[in-house]
Amino acid sequence: MNAKQLENWILDNYQDVIVTDAYRERSFFYNLDGSLTKGIYFSTIKESDEPNDKASYLERDGIYRLSVGVGKKTIPIIICRYSKTTSKR
């Protein structure tokens, strides 16, 4: 799946989503009934590097980075699930 296909999938599968283009990336906001200026951020697709952000080497053909916002309670669950150590919290 390329970045455009992923964007289309998000828009086809989720209602009340607004897409903005800024800083050479596309950001997705949930905005129920247009009640907020932009909405609540939940994801970004980035296809190119920035001068201060080259670690991902996104300049390769067909490569992109998907960032997904998750709640504070979800982060330890994800880390524990995919980590070799168990969280003590």
PDB file of N, CA and C in Angstrom:
ATOM      1  N   MET A   1       0.861  -1.166   0.000  1.00  0.00           N
ATOM      2  CA  MET A   1       0.000   0.000   0.000  1.00  0.00           C
ATOM      3  C   MET A   1       0.908   1.230   0.000  1.00  0.00           C
ATOM      4  N   ASN A   2       0.713   2.120  -0.951  1.00  0.00           N
ATOM      5  CA  ASN A   2       1.500   3.351  -0.957  1.00  0.00           C
ATOM      6  C   ASN A   2       0.795   4.418  -0.108  1.00  0.00           C
ATOM      7  N   ALA A   3       1.444   5.570   0.058  1.00  0.00           N
ATOM      8  CA  ALA A   3       0.921   6.613   0.938  1.00  0.00           C
ATOM      9  C   ALA A   3      -0.446   7.129   0.488  1.00  0.00           C
ATOM     10  N   LYS A   4      -0.635   7.313  -0.806  1.00  0.00           N
ATOM     11  CA  LYS A   4      -1.922   7.802  -1.315  1.00  0.00           C
ATOM     12  C   LYS A   4      -3.028   6.775  -1.083  1.00  0.00           C
ATOM     13  N   GLN A   5      -2.714   5.499  -1.275  1.00  0.00           N
ATOM     14  CA  GLN A   5      -3.701   4.447  -1.016  1.00  0.00           C
ATOM     15  C   GLN A   5      -4.077   4.414   0.463  1.00  0.00           C
ATOM     16  N   LEU A   6      -3.090   4.612   1.337  1.00  0.00           N
ATOM     17  CA  LEU A   6      -3.366   4.644   2.771  1.00  0.00           C
ATOM     18  C   LEU A   6      -4.254   5.837   3.113  1.00  0.00           C
ATOM     19  N   GLU A   7      -3.942   6.991   2.553  1.00  0.00           N
ATOM     20  CA  GLU A   7      -4.783   8.168   2.775  1.00  0.00           C
ATOM     21  C   GLU A   7      -6.222   7.896   2.329  1.00  0.00           C
ATOM     22  N   ASN A   8      -6.383   7.336   1.152  1.00  0.00           N
ATOM     23  CA  ASN A   8      -7.730   7.015   0.657  1.00  0.00           C
ATOM     24  C   ASN A   8      -8.431   6.008   1.557  1.00  0.00           C
ATOM     25  N   TRP A   9      -7.688   5.022   2.071  1.00  0.00           N
ATOM     26  CA  TRP A   9      -8.278   4.024   2.961  1.00  0.00           C
ATOM     27  C   TRP A   9      -8.793   4.692   4.235  1.00  0.00           C
ATOM     28  N   ILE A  10      -7.990   5.592   4.801  1.00  0.00           N
ATOM     29  CA  ILE A  10      -8.418   6.304   6.006  1.00  0.00           C
ATOM     30  C   ILE A  10      -9.699   7.089   5.727  1.00  0.00           C
ATOM     31  N   LEU A  11      -9.708   7.824   4.630  1.00  0.00           N
ATOM     32  CA  LEU A  11     -10.881   8.650   4.310  1.00  0.00           C
ATOM     33  C   LEU A  11     -12.102   7.814   3.953  1.00  0.00           C
ATOM     34  N   ASP A  12     -11.898   6.642   3.359  1.00  0.00           N
ATOM     35  CA  ASP A  12     -13.019   5.762   3.007  1.00  0.00           C
ATOM     36  C   ASP A  12     -13.593   5.034   4.213  1.00  0.00           C
ATOM     37  N   ASN A  13     -12.775   4.830   5.254  1.00  0.00           N
ATOM     38  CA  ASN A  13     -13.189   4.005   6.386  1.00  0.00           C
ATOM     39  C   ASN A  13     -13.548   4.777   7.648  1.00  0.00           C
ATOM     40  N   TYR A  14     -13.247   6.061   7.669  1.00  0.00           N
ATOM     41  CA  TYR A  14     -13.555   6.867   8.845  1.00  0.00           C
ATOM     42  C   TYR A  14     -14.292   8.125   8.415  1.00  0.00           C
ATOM     43  N   GLN A  15     -15.378   8.412   9.100  1.00  0.00           N
ATOM     44  CA  GLN A  15     -16.164   9.605   8.814  1.00  0.00           C
ATOM     45  C   GLN A  15     -15.630  10.783   9.614  1.00  0.00           C
ATOM     46  N   ASP A  16     -16.001  11.972   9.194  1.00  0.00           N
ATOM     47  CA  ASP A  16     -15.670  13.197   9.925  1.00  0.00           C
ATOM     48  C   ASP A  16     -14.163  13.422  10.063  1.00  0.00           C
ATOM     49  N   VAL A  17     -13.403  13.090   9.017  1.00  0.00           N
ATOM     50  CA  VAL A  17     -11.955  13.283   9.019  1.00  0.00           C
ATOM     51  C   VAL A  17     -11.597  14.469   8.125  1.00  0.00           C
ATOM     52  N   ILE A  18     -10.732  15.320   8.642  1.00  0.00           N
ATOM     53  CA  ILE A  18     -10.198  16.454   7.889  1.00  0.00           C
ATOM     54  C   ILE A  18      -8.718  16.195   7.652  1.00  0.00           C
ATOM     55  N   VAL A  19      -8.254  16.468   6.424  1.00  0.00           N
ATOM     56  CA  VAL A  19      -6.847  16.295   6.076  1.00  0.00           C
ATOM     57  C   VAL A  19      -6.231  17.672   5.854  1.00  0.00           C
ATOM     58  N   THR A  20      -5.077  17.899   6.455  1.00  0.00           N
ATOM     59  CA  THR A  20      -4.349  19.141   6.218  1.00  0.00           C
ATOM     60  C   THR A  20      -2.950  18.811   5.724  1.00  0.00           C
ATOM     61  N   ASP A  21      -2.426  19.661   4.865  1.00  0.00           N
ATOM     62  CA  ASP A  21      -1.063  19.531   4.370  1.00  0.00           C
ATOM     63  C   ASP A  21      -0.224  20.633   5.004  1.00  0.00           C
ATOM     64  N   ALA A  22       0.810  20.226   5.708  1.00  0.00           N
ATOM     65  CA  ALA A  22       1.730  21.188   6.320  1.00  0.00           C
ATOM     66  C   ALA A  22       3.063  20.504   6.575  1.00  0.00           C
ATOM     67  N   TYR A  23       4.129  21.232   6.445  1.00  0.00           N
ATOM     68  CA  TYR A  23       5.469  20.703   6.706  1.00  0.00           C
ATOM     69  C   TYR A  23       5.772  19.456   5.884  1.00  0.00           C
ATOM     70  N   ARG A  24       5.299  19.438   4.651  1.00  0.00           N
ATOM     71  CA  ARG A  24       5.530  18.323   3.724  1.00  0.00           C
ATOM     72  C   ARG A  24       4.984  16.994   4.268  1.00  0.00           C
ATOM     73  N   GLU A  25       3.860  17.069   4.975  1.00  0.00           N
ATOM     74  CA  GLU A  25       3.184  15.870   5.472  1.00  0.00           C
ATOM     75  C   GLU A  25       1.679  16.099   5.470  1.00  0.00           C
ATOM     76  N   ARG A  26       0.927  15.005   5.503  1.00  0.00           N
ATOM     77  CA  ARG A  26      -0.528  15.082   5.574  1.00  0.00           C
ATOM     78  C   ARG A  26      -0.969  14.634   6.966  1.00  0.00           C
ATOM     79  N   SER A  27      -1.707  15.503   7.636  1.00  0.00           N
ATOM     80  CA  SER A  27      -2.188  15.205   8.981  1.00  0.00           C
ATOM     81  C   SER A  27      -3.690  14.979   8.944  1.00  0.00           C
ATOM     82  N   PHE A  28      -4.142  14.033   9.749  1.00  0.00           N
ATOM     83  CA  PHE A  28      -5.546  13.643   9.791  1.00  0.00           C
ATOM     84  C   PHE A  28      -6.119  13.999  11.158  1.00  0.00           C
ATOM     85  N   PHE A  29      -7.280  14.653  11.114  1.00  0.00           N
ATOM     86  CA  PHE A  29      -7.960  15.084  12.324  1.00  0.00           C
ATOM     87  C   PHE A  29      -9.388  14.556  12.311  1.00  0.00           C
ATOM     88  N   TYR A  30      -9.829  14.058  13.454  1.00  0.00           N
ATOM     89  CA  TYR A  30     -11.224  13.664  13.620  1.00  0.00           C
ATOM     90  C   TYR A  30     -11.985  14.911  14.032  1.00  0.00           C
ATOM     91  N   ASN A  31     -13.054  15.222  13.308  1.00  0.00           N
ATOM     92  CA  ASN A  31     -13.798  16.444  13.567  1.00  0.00           C
ATOM     93  C   ASN A  31     -15.293  16.171  13.431  1.00  0.00           C
ATOM     94  N   LEU A  32     -15.868  15.637  14.469  1.00  0.00           N
ATOM     95  CA  LEU A  32     -17.289  15.292  14.478  1.00  0.00           C
ATOM     96  C   LEU A  32     -18.132  16.508  14.151  1.00  0.00           C
ATOM     97  N   ASP A  33     -18.876  16.411  13.077  1.00  0.00           N
ATOM     98  CA  ASP A  33     -19.819  17.453  12.647  1.00  0.00           C
ATOM     99  C   ASP A  33     -19.163  18.814  12.407  1.00  0.00           C
ATOM    100  N   GLY A  34     -17.854  18.853  12.196  1.00  0.00           N
ATOM    101  CA  GLY A  34     -17.176  20.113  11.930  1.00  0.00           C
ATOM    102  C   GLY A  34     -17.222  21.084  13.092  1.00  0.00           C
ATOM    103  N   SER A  35     -17.378  20.579  14.301  1.00  0.00           N
ATOM    104  CA  SER A  35     -17.551  21.431  15.463  1.00  0.00           C
ATOM    105  C   SER A  35     -16.255  22.069  15.962  1.00  0.00           C
ATOM    106  N   LEU A  36     -15.101  21.595  15.499  1.00  0.00           N
ATOM    107  CA  LEU A  36     -13.814  22.157  15.902  1.00  0.00           C
ATOM    108  C   LEU A  36     -13.120  22.770  14.690  1.00  0.00           C
ATOM    109  N   THR A  37     -12.184  23.682  14.927  1.00  0.00           N
ATOM    110  CA  THR A  37     -11.487  24.324  13.817  1.00  0.00           C
ATOM    111  C   THR A  37     -10.810  23.287  12.935  1.00  0.00           C
ATOM    112  N   LYS A  38      -9.999  22.430  13.517  1.00  0.00           N
ATOM    113  CA  LYS A  38      -9.370  21.332  12.777  1.00  0.00           C
ATOM    114  C   LYS A  38      -9.921  19.996  13.250  1.00  0.00           C
ATOM    115  N   GLY A  39      -9.952  19.797  14.539  1.00  0.00           N
ATOM    116  CA  GLY A  39     -10.385  18.534  15.102  1.00  0.00           C
ATOM    117  C   GLY A  39      -9.326  17.989  16.032  1.00  0.00           C
ATOM    118  N   ILE A  40      -9.400  16.699  16.285  1.00  0.00           N
ATOM    119  CA  ILE A  40      -8.466  16.026  17.171  1.00  0.00           C
ATOM    120  C   ILE A  40      -7.499  15.224  16.320  1.00  0.00           C
ATOM    121  N   TYR A  41      -6.219  15.551  16.422  1.00  0.00           N
ATOM    122  CA  TYR A  41      -5.192  14.871  15.636  1.00  0.00           C
ATOM    123  C   TYR A  41      -5.169  13.382  15.967  1.00  0.00           C
ATOM    124  N   PHE A  42      -5.055  12.539  14.916  1.00  0.00           N
ATOM    125  CA  PHE A  42      -4.861  11.121  15.189  1.00  0.00           C
ATOM    126  C   PHE A  42      -3.823  10.452  14.305  1.00  0.00           C
ATOM    127  N   SER A  43      -3.388  11.087  13.217  1.00  0.00           N
ATOM    128  CA  SER A  43      -2.419  10.408  12.359  1.00  0.00           C
ATOM    129  C   SER A  43      -1.748  11.382  11.386  1.00  0.00           C
ATOM    130  N   THR A  44      -0.519  11.010  10.958  1.00  0.00           N
ATOM    131  CA  THR A  44       0.223  11.785   9.969  1.00  0.00           C
ATOM    132  C   THR A  44       0.924  10.828   9.018  1.00  0.00           C
ATOM    133  N   ILE A  45       0.926  11.179   7.742  1.00  0.00           N
ATOM    134  CA  ILE A  45       1.709  10.459   6.735  1.00  0.00           C
ATOM    135  C   ILE A  45       2.776  11.429   6.235  1.00  0.00           C
ATOM    136  N   LYS A  46       4.018  11.006   6.334  1.00  0.00           N
ATOM    137  CA  LYS A  46       5.145  11.839   5.906  1.00  0.00           C
ATOM    138  C   LYS A  46       5.954  11.060   4.880  1.00  0.00           C
ATOM    139  N   GLU A  47       6.206  11.702   3.728  1.00  0.00           N
ATOM    140  CA  GLU A  47       6.897  11.022   2.634  1.00  0.00           C
ATOM    141  C   GLU A  47       8.278  11.587   2.327  1.00  0.00           C
ATOM    142  N   SER A  48       8.706  12.607   3.051  1.00  0.00           N
ATOM    143  CA  SER A  48      10.009  13.194   2.745  1.00  0.00           C
ATOM    144  C   SER A  48      10.696  13.652   4.029  1.00  0.00           C
ATOM    145  N   ASP A  49      12.014  13.699   3.973  1.00  0.00           N
ATOM    146  CA  ASP A  49      12.803  14.146   5.112  1.00  0.00           C
ATOM    147  C   ASP A  49      12.814  15.670   5.194  1.00  0.00           C
ATOM    148  N   GLU A  50      13.125  16.169   6.353  1.00  0.00           N
ATOM    149  CA  GLU A  50      13.316  17.588   6.604  1.00  0.00           C
ATOM    150  C   GLU A  50      14.778  17.792   6.992  1.00  0.00           C
ATOM    151  N   PRO A  51      15.282  19.011   6.907  1.00  0.00           N
ATOM    152  CA  PRO A  51      16.683  19.247   7.268  1.00  0.00           C
ATOM    153  C   PRO A  51      17.058  18.727   8.661  1.00  0.00           C
ATOM    154  N   ASN A  52      16.146  18.833   9.624  1.00  0.00           N
ATOM    155  CA  ASN A  52      16.438  18.377  10.990  1.00  0.00           C
ATOM    156  C   ASN A  52      15.831  17.011  11.308  1.00  0.00           C
ATOM    157  N   ASP A  53      15.372  16.307  10.299  1.00  0.00           N
ATOM    158  CA  ASP A  53      14.710  15.015  10.511  1.00  0.00           C
ATOM    159  C   ASP A  53      15.020  14.100   9.324  1.00  0.00           C
ATOM    160  N   LYS A  54      16.236  13.558   9.298  1.00  0.00           N
ATOM    161  CA  LYS A  54      16.654  12.711   8.187  1.00  0.00           C
ATOM    162  C   LYS A  54      16.864  11.257   8.592  1.00  0.00           C
ATOM    163  N   ALA A  55      16.610  10.929   9.843  1.00  0.00           N
ATOM    164  CA  ALA A  55      16.891   9.586  10.349  1.00  0.00           C
ATOM    165  C   ALA A  55      16.068   8.504   9.655  1.00  0.00           C
ATOM    166  N   SER A  56      14.881   8.832   9.214  1.00  0.00           N
ATOM    167  CA  SER A  56      14.021   7.822   8.576  1.00  0.00           C
ATOM    168  C   SER A  56      14.398   7.547   7.131  1.00  0.00           C
ATOM    169  N   TYR A  57      15.189   8.438   6.534  1.00  0.00           N
ATOM    170  CA  TYR A  57      15.594   8.306   5.136  1.00  0.00           C
ATOM    171  C   TYR A  57      14.373   8.076   4.252  1.00  0.00           C
ATOM    172  N   LEU A  58      13.442   9.015   4.307  1.00  0.00           N
ATOM    173  CA  LEU A  58      12.177   8.903   3.580  1.00  0.00           C
ATOM    174  C   LEU A  58      12.289   9.259   2.104  1.00  0.00           C
ATOM    175  N   GLU A  59      13.446   9.678   1.657  1.00  0.00           N
ATOM    176  CA  GLU A  59      13.612  10.072   0.261  1.00  0.00           C
ATOM    177  C   GLU A  59      13.626   8.874  -0.693  1.00  0.00           C
ATOM    178  N   ARG A  60      13.573   7.675  -0.168  1.00  0.00           N
ATOM    179  CA  ARG A  60      13.551   6.484  -1.023  1.00  0.00           C
ATOM    180  C   ARG A  60      12.182   6.331  -1.671  1.00  0.00           C
ATOM    181  N   ASP A  61      12.168   5.828  -2.871  1.00  0.00           N
ATOM    182  CA  ASP A  61      10.932   5.652  -3.635  1.00  0.00           C
ATOM    183  C   ASP A  61       9.970   4.707  -2.912  1.00  0.00           C
ATOM    184  N   GLY A  62       8.748   5.168  -2.697  1.00  0.00           N
ATOM    185  CA  GLY A  62       7.710   4.332  -2.104  1.00  0.00           C
ATOM    186  C   GLY A  62       7.764   4.219  -0.589  1.00  0.00           C
ATOM    187  N   ILE A  63       8.670   4.939   0.056  1.00  0.00           N
ATOM    188  CA  ILE A  63       8.815   4.859   1.512  1.00  0.00           C
ATOM    189  C   ILE A  63       8.100   6.041   2.157  1.00  0.00           C
ATOM    190  N   TYR A  64       7.387   5.773   3.245  1.00  0.00           N
ATOM    191  CA  TYR A  64       6.730   6.831   4.001  1.00  0.00           C
ATOM    192  C   TYR A  64       6.668   6.419   5.460  1.00  0.00           C
ATOM    193  N   ARG A  65       6.362   7.386   6.322  1.00  0.00           N
ATOM    194  CA  ARG A  65       6.225   7.108   7.752  1.00  0.00           C
ATOM    195  C   ARG A  65       4.802   7.429   8.174  1.00  0.00           C
ATOM    196  N   LEU A  66       4.190   6.507   8.853  1.00  0.00           N
ATOM    197  CA  LEU A  66       2.852   6.699   9.406  1.00  0.00           C
ATOM    198  C   LEU A  66       2.996   6.886  10.907  1.00  0.00           C
ATOM    199  N   SER A  67       2.556   8.022  11.398  1.00  0.00           N
ATOM    200  CA  SER A  67       2.535   8.283  12.839  1.00  0.00           C
ATOM    201  C   SER A  67       1.083   8.231  13.289  1.00  0.00           C
ATOM    202  N   VAL A  68       0.853   7.557  14.401  1.00  0.00           N
ATOM    203  CA  VAL A  68      -0.504   7.424  14.915  1.00  0.00           C
ATOM    204  C   VAL A  68      -0.528   7.899  16.361  1.00  0.00           C
ATOM    205  N   GLY A  69      -1.410   8.810  16.656  1.00  0.00           N
ATOM    206  CA  GLY A  69      -1.559   9.295  18.019  1.00  0.00           C
ATOM    207  C   GLY A  69      -2.370   8.310  18.845  1.00  0.00           C
ATOM    208  N   VAL A  70      -1.854   7.986  20.008  1.00  0.00           N
ATOM    209  CA  VAL A  70      -2.576   7.104  20.924  1.00  0.00           C
ATOM    210  C   VAL A  70      -2.656   7.774  22.290  1.00  0.00           C
ATOM    211  N   GLY A  71      -3.609   7.360  23.074  1.00  0.00           N
ATOM    212  CA  GLY A  71      -3.788   7.921  24.402  1.00  0.00           C
ATOM    213  C   GLY A  71      -2.725   7.456  25.378  1.00  0.00           C
ATOM    214  N   LYS A  72      -2.583   8.206  26.463  1.00  0.00           N
ATOM    215  CA  LYS A  72      -1.574   7.932  27.483  1.00  0.00           C
ATOM    216  C   LYS A  72      -1.685   6.515  28.050  1.00  0.00           C
ATOM    217  N   LYS A  73      -2.879   6.015  28.196  1.00  0.00           N
ATOM    218  CA  LYS A  73      -3.074   4.672  28.753  1.00  0.00           C
ATOM    219  C   LYS A  73      -2.685   3.578  27.763  1.00  0.00           C
ATOM    220  N   THR A  74      -2.681   3.892  26.478  1.00  0.00           N
ATOM    221  CA  THR A  74      -2.379   2.893  25.449  1.00  0.00           C
ATOM    222  C   THR A  74      -0.884   2.660  25.286  1.00  0.00           C
ATOM    223  N   ILE A  75      -0.077   3.664  25.528  1.00  0.00           N
ATOM    224  CA  ILE A  75       1.363   3.556  25.299  1.00  0.00           C
ATOM    225  C   ILE A  75       1.993   2.405  26.093  1.00  0.00           C
ATOM    226  N   PRO A  76       1.759   2.277  27.408  1.00  0.00           N
ATOM    227  CA  PRO A  76       2.364   1.140  28.133  1.00  0.00           C
ATOM    228  C   PRO A  76       1.895  -0.220  27.621  1.00  0.00           C
ATOM    229  N   ILE A  77       0.661  -0.293  27.150  1.00  0.00           N
ATOM    230  CA  ILE A  77       0.148  -1.553  26.611  1.00  0.00           C
ATOM    231  C   ILE A  77       0.935  -1.942  25.367  1.00  0.00           C
ATOM    232  N   ILE A  78       1.164  -0.980  24.482  1.00  0.00           N
ATOM    233  CA  ILE A  78       1.918  -1.250  23.253  1.00  0.00           C
ATOM    234  C   ILE A  78       3.352  -1.632  23.585  1.00  0.00           C
ATOM    235  N   ILE A  79       3.982  -0.880  24.476  1.00  0.00           N
ATOM    236  CA  ILE A  79       5.374  -1.148  24.827  1.00  0.00           C
ATOM    237  C   ILE A  79       5.515  -2.523  25.469  1.00  0.00           C
ATOM    238  N   CYS A  80       4.633  -2.854  26.387  1.00  0.00           N
ATOM    239  CA  CYS A  80       4.707  -4.163  27.053  1.00  0.00           C
ATOM    240  C   CYS A  80       4.455  -5.299  26.080  1.00  0.00           C
ATOM    241  N   ARG A  81       3.561  -5.107  25.161  1.00  0.00           N
ATOM    242  CA  ARG A  81       3.233  -6.162  24.214  1.00  0.00           C
ATOM    243  C   ARG A  81       4.408  -6.486  23.295  1.00  0.00           C
ATOM    244  N   TYR A  82       5.150  -5.465  22.891  1.00  0.00           N
ATOM    245  CA  TYR A  82       6.219  -5.666  21.918  1.00  0.00           C
ATOM    246  C   TYR A  82       7.619  -5.586  22.516  1.00  0.00           C
ATOM    247  N   SER A  83       7.714  -5.429  23.818  1.00  0.00           N
ATOM    248  CA  SER A  83       9.011  -5.343  24.495  1.00  0.00           C
ATOM    249  C   SER A  83       9.366  -6.709  25.072  1.00  0.00           C
ATOM    250  N   LYS A  84      10.650  -6.970  25.222  1.00  0.00           N
ATOM    251  CA  LYS A  84      11.100  -8.220  25.830  1.00  0.00           C
ATOM    252  C   LYS A  84      11.032  -8.138  27.356  1.00  0.00           C
ATOM    253  N   THR A  85      10.901  -6.931  27.904  1.00  0.00           N
ATOM    254  CA  THR A  85      10.806  -6.774  29.343  1.00  0.00           C
ATOM    255  C   THR A  85       9.383  -6.393  29.723  1.00  0.00           C
ATOM    256  N   THR A  86       9.053  -6.624  30.968  1.00  0.00           N
ATOM    257  CA  THR A  86       7.728  -6.287  31.460  1.00  0.00           C
ATOM    258  C   THR A  86       7.775  -4.977  32.219  1.00  0.00           C
ATOM    259  N   SER A  87       6.825  -4.110  31.948  1.00  0.00           N
ATOM    260  CA  SER A  87       6.758  -2.837  32.648  1.00  0.00           C
ATOM    261  C   SER A  87       6.398  -3.072  34.102  1.00  0.00           C
ATOM    262  N   LYS A  88       7.032  -2.311  35.010  1.00  0.00           N
ATOM    263  CA  LYS A  88       6.748  -2.429  36.436  1.00  0.00           C
ATOM    264  C   LYS A  88       5.641  -1.483  36.878  1.00  0.00           C
ATOM    265  N   ARG A  89       5.126  -0.694  35.955  1.00  0.00           N
ATOM    266  CA  ARG A  89       4.071   0.271  36.306  1.00  0.00           C
ATOM    267  C   ARG A  89       2.717  -0.320  36.131  1.00  0.00           C
TER     268      ARG A  89
END
